[in-house]
């Protein structure tokens, strides 16, 4: 951070939730030009996180983490995944409401993808829930490649697309950014606009 500081650069990085608890690190990052940090929140469901061995992500800590980043004038870009066995059609709206309440500045949204040689893939193959083994579809963005447990594959895909559209809508931007986060409004508006235009294509 000390070496970055004199360069006058604006930058972002991917970090763990544990990194976000380090006030000294966040202070030095901000002074060195950090605009936002990507954090893999993954889900707002504790049981879903435990199922995929991400129980170290404590949902009840998300508010403190977000507030700490904002206190240091750093935006949070959250990684969110839809398609866990605990997810239902209500999950999309619940996740949007949670993101808006916390003032999440941006999200990178993905579809759960049972990649080969992972426990998730092995379990779904055994349960005959895989829809395809065309690996070009296993990108987490454009196709649902398995049968979800609590909704149809079509509902999962449409819910994922709808969440992206609604999160990057102007009303959501106002609720998240103008009323809660209030961090780097100019930069965040440009980032949100870029995502919104990208999702329209």
Protein backbone atom coordinates (compact mmCIF):
# COMPACT_ATOMS: atom_id res chain seq x y z
CA UNK A 1 0.00 0.00 0.00
CA UNK A 2 2.85 2.37 0.80
CA UNK A 3 4.39 1.72 -2.62
CA UNK A 4 1.04 2.21 -4.38
CA UNK A 5 0.21 5.46 -2.62
CA UNK A 6 2.68 7.75 -4.46
CA UNK A 7 1.50 6.47 -7.86
CA UNK A 8 -1.88 8.20 -7.59
CA UNK A 9 -3.72 5.27 -9.18
CA UNK A 10 -7.36 4.24 -8.68
CA UNK A 11 -7.73 0.49 -8.28
CA UNK A 12 -9.84 -2.42 -7.05
CA UNK A 13 -9.04 -5.88 -5.66
CA UNK A 14 -10.60 -9.17 -4.64
CA UNK A 15 -10.41 -9.92 -0.92
CA UNK A 16 -11.83 -12.25 1.73
CA UNK A 17 -14.35 -11.28 4.37
CA UNK A 18 -11.56 -11.59 6.94
CA UNK A 19 -9.56 -8.90 5.11
CA UNK A 20 -12.52 -6.55 5.47
CA UNK A 21 -12.22 -6.71 9.26
CA UNK A 22 -8.74 -5.20 9.19
CA UNK A 23 -9.20 -1.47 9.78
CA UNK A 24 -5.53 -0.69 9.29
CA UNK A 25 -5.47 -2.51 5.95
CA UNK A 26 -8.64 -0.72 4.78
CA UNK A 27 -7.27 2.66 5.86
CA UNK A 28 -4.03 2.10 3.97
CA UNK A 29 -5.89 0.74 0.94
CA UNK A 30 -8.09 3.82 0.76
CA UNK A 31 -5.10 6.15 1.10
CA UNK A 32 -3.38 4.19 -1.70
CA UNK A 33 -6.30 4.77 -4.10
CA UNK A 34 -8.60 1.78 -3.57
CA UNK A 35 -12.09 2.49 -4.93
CA UNK A 36 -13.81 -0.85 -4.33
CA UNK A 37 -13.23 -4.39 -3.13
CA UNK A 38 -14.80 -7.54 -4.52
CA UNK A 39 -16.05 -9.85 -1.76
CA UNK A 40 -17.64 -13.26 -2.36
CA UNK A 41 -20.74 -13.12 -0.20
CA UNK A 42 -22.26 -15.91 -2.37
CA UNK A 43 -25.62 -16.15 -0.60
CA UNK A 44 -27.75 -14.75 2.21
CA UNK A 45 -28.73 -18.30 3.25
CA UNK A 46 -26.56 -19.74 6.08
CA UNK A 47 -27.67 -23.29 5.25
CA UNK A 48 -26.74 -22.86 1.57
CA UNK A 49 -23.29 -21.60 2.57
CA UNK A 50 -22.77 -24.55 4.92
CA UNK A 51 -23.81 -27.01 2.21
CA UNK A 52 -21.05 -25.78 -0.12
CA UNK A 53 -18.47 -25.54 2.69
CA UNK A 54 -18.63 -21.75 2.91
CA UNK A 55 -19.88 -21.66 6.48
CA UNK A 56 -17.06 -19.22 7.29
CA UNK A 57 -19.19 -16.64 5.45
CA UNK A 58 -21.39 -15.46 8.30
CA UNK A 59 -24.51 -13.77 6.98
CA UNK A 60 -24.98 -11.94 10.27
CA UNK A 61 -21.61 -10.22 9.66
CA UNK A 62 -22.50 -8.83 6.22
CA UNK A 63 -23.90 -5.60 7.64
CA UNK A 64 -20.82 -4.89 9.76
CA UNK A 65 -18.49 -5.66 6.84
CA UNK A 66 -20.41 -3.38 4.47
CA UNK A 67 -20.55 -0.55 6.98
CA UNK A 68 -16.83 -0.88 7.71
CA UNK A 69 -15.94 -0.62 4.02
CA UNK A 70 -18.19 2.40 3.60
CA UNK A 71 -16.67 4.03 6.69
CA UNK A 72 -13.32 3.83 4.92
CA UNK A 73 -14.87 5.23 1.71
CA UNK A 74 -14.47 1.94 -0.14
CA UNK A 75 -17.29 0.47 -2.25
CA UNK A 76 -18.25 -3.20 -2.05
CA UNK A 77 -18.75 -5.36 -5.13
CA UNK A 78 -20.46 -8.54 -3.92
CA UNK A 79 -20.28 -11.91 -5.60
CA UNK A 80 -23.76 -13.52 -5.50
CA UNK A 81 -24.69 -17.03 -6.70
CA UNK A 82 -28.21 -18.29 -7.42
CA UNK A 83 -29.18 -21.94 -7.69
CA UNK A 84 -28.33 -23.44 -4.31
CA UNK A 85 -30.65 -26.23 -3.20
CA UNK A 86 -32.08 -23.89 -0.54
CA UNK A 87 -33.03 -21.24 -3.13
CA UNK A 88 -36.69 -20.76 -4.04
CA UNK A 89 -38.47 -18.31 -6.37
CA UNK A 90 -38.62 -15.93 -3.38
CA UNK A 91 -34.83 -15.90 -3.04
CA UNK A 92 -34.32 -13.34 -5.82
CA UNK A 93 -36.52 -10.68 -4.21
CA UNK A 94 -35.18 -11.46 -0.74
CA UNK A 95 -31.60 -11.07 -1.98
CA UNK A 96 -32.41 -7.79 -3.73
CA UNK A 97 -34.05 -6.43 -0.58
CA UNK A 98 -31.02 -7.45 1.51
CA UNK A 99 -28.59 -5.83 -0.93
CA UNK A 100 -30.58 -2.60 -0.95
CA UNK A 101 -30.89 -2.54 2.82
CA UNK A 102 -27.14 -3.03 3.28
CA UNK A 103 -26.22 -0.55 0.55
CA UNK A 104 -24.29 -3.06 -1.57
CA UNK A 105 -22.69 -0.91 -4.26
CA UNK A 106 -22.45 -3.51 -7.02
CA UNK A 107 -22.92 -7.22 -7.62
CA UNK A 108 -21.38 -9.83 -9.87
CA UNK A 109 -24.15 -12.40 -10.21
CA UNK A 110 -23.62 -16.01 -11.29
CA UNK A 111 -25.61 -19.19 -11.72
CA UNK A 112 -24.53 -22.15 -9.61
CA UNK A 113 -22.41 -24.34 -11.88
CA UNK A 114 -21.64 -27.95 -10.90
CA UNK A 115 -18.12 -28.10 -12.29
CA UNK A 116 -16.64 -31.56 -12.93
CA UNK A 117 -14.62 -33.13 -10.11
CA UNK A 118 -16.41 -31.12 -7.44
CA UNK A 119 -18.70 -32.57 -4.75
CA UNK A 120 -21.63 -30.55 -6.16
CA UNK A 121 -21.14 -32.12 -9.60
CA UNK A 122 -20.78 -35.63 -8.16
CA UNK A 123 -23.95 -35.23 -6.09
CA UNK A 124 -26.02 -33.89 -8.97
CA UNK A 125 -24.75 -36.57 -11.36
CA UNK A 126 -25.68 -39.26 -8.86
CA UNK A 127 -29.14 -37.73 -8.43
CA UNK A 128 -29.49 -37.47 -12.24
CA UNK A 129 -30.07 -33.71 -12.04
CA UNK A 130 -27.62 -32.65 -14.77
CA UNK A 131 -29.24 -31.25 -17.90
CA UNK A 132 -26.16 -31.27 -20.11
CA UNK A 133 -22.51 -32.21 -20.19
CA UNK A 134 -21.70 -29.73 -22.92
CA UNK A 135 -18.91 -27.94 -21.06
CA UNK A 136 -19.31 -24.79 -23.17
CA UNK A 137 -22.55 -24.19 -21.22
CA UNK A 138 -20.82 -24.43 -17.84
CA UNK A 139 -19.91 -20.74 -17.63
CA UNK A 140 -22.18 -19.61 -14.79
CA UNK A 141 -23.74 -16.82 -16.84
CA UNK A 142 -25.75 -17.96 -19.85
CA UNK A 143 -27.21 -21.40 -19.05
CA UNK A 144 -28.66 -23.45 -16.22
CA UNK A 145 -27.13 -26.91 -16.55
CA UNK A 146 -28.97 -28.74 -13.76
CA UNK A 147 -32.41 -29.27 -12.26
CA UNK A 148 -32.76 -26.93 -9.23
CA UNK A 149 -34.37 -28.49 -6.18
CA UNK A 150 -37.05 -25.89 -5.38
CA UNK A 151 -37.85 -24.35 -8.78
CA UNK A 152 -37.59 -25.14 -12.45
CA UNK A 153 -34.45 -24.41 -14.45
CA UNK A 154 -36.47 -21.78 -16.34
CA UNK A 155 -37.49 -20.09 -13.08
CA UNK A 156 -33.87 -20.02 -11.94
CA UNK A 157 -32.65 -18.44 -15.17
CA UNK A 158 -35.46 -15.89 -15.36
CA UNK A 159 -35.05 -15.02 -11.68
CA UNK A 160 -31.32 -14.52 -12.19
CA UNK A 161 -31.89 -12.22 -15.18
CA UNK A 162 -34.64 -10.30 -13.38
CA UNK A 163 -32.44 -9.78 -10.33
CA UNK A 164 -29.68 -8.29 -12.48
CA UNK A 165 -32.11 -5.96 -14.23
CA UNK A 166 -33.73 -4.80 -11.01
CA UNK A 167 -30.48 -4.41 -9.06
CA UNK A 168 -29.03 -2.10 -11.71
CA UNK A 169 -32.25 -0.14 -12.20
CA UNK A 170 -32.36 3.55 -11.25
CA UNK A 171 -34.78 3.02 -8.30
CA UNK A 172 -32.49 0.38 -6.81
CA UNK A 173 -29.44 2.59 -7.37
CA UNK A 174 -31.15 5.37 -5.44
CA UNK A 175 -32.15 3.06 -2.59
CA UNK A 176 -28.69 1.45 -2.33
CA UNK A 177 -26.39 4.32 -3.12
CA UNK A 178 -28.10 7.62 -2.41
CA UNK A 179 -29.80 6.54 0.82
CA UNK A 180 -27.40 4.00 2.33
CA UNK A 181 -23.89 3.76 0.85
CA UNK A 182 -23.24 7.34 -0.34
CA UNK A 183 -19.69 6.27 -1.25
CA UNK A 184 -18.04 7.59 -4.43
CA UNK A 185 -21.34 8.50 -6.05
CA UNK A 186 -19.80 9.56 -9.36
CA UNK A 187 -17.67 6.43 -9.82
CA UNK A 188 -20.47 4.19 -8.66
CA UNK A 189 -22.98 5.74 -11.03
CA UNK A 190 -20.60 5.07 -13.94
CA UNK A 191 -20.03 1.46 -12.79
CA UNK A 192 -23.76 0.83 -12.32
CA UNK A 193 -24.54 2.38 -15.70
CA UNK A 194 -21.93 0.18 -17.36
CA UNK A 195 -23.42 -2.97 -15.85
CA UNK A 196 -26.93 -1.86 -16.79
CA UNK A 197 -25.96 -1.28 -20.42
CA UNK A 198 -24.06 -4.58 -20.54
CA UNK A 199 -27.10 -6.50 -19.25
CA UNK A 200 -29.30 -4.94 -21.92
CA UNK A 201 -27.13 -6.38 -24.68
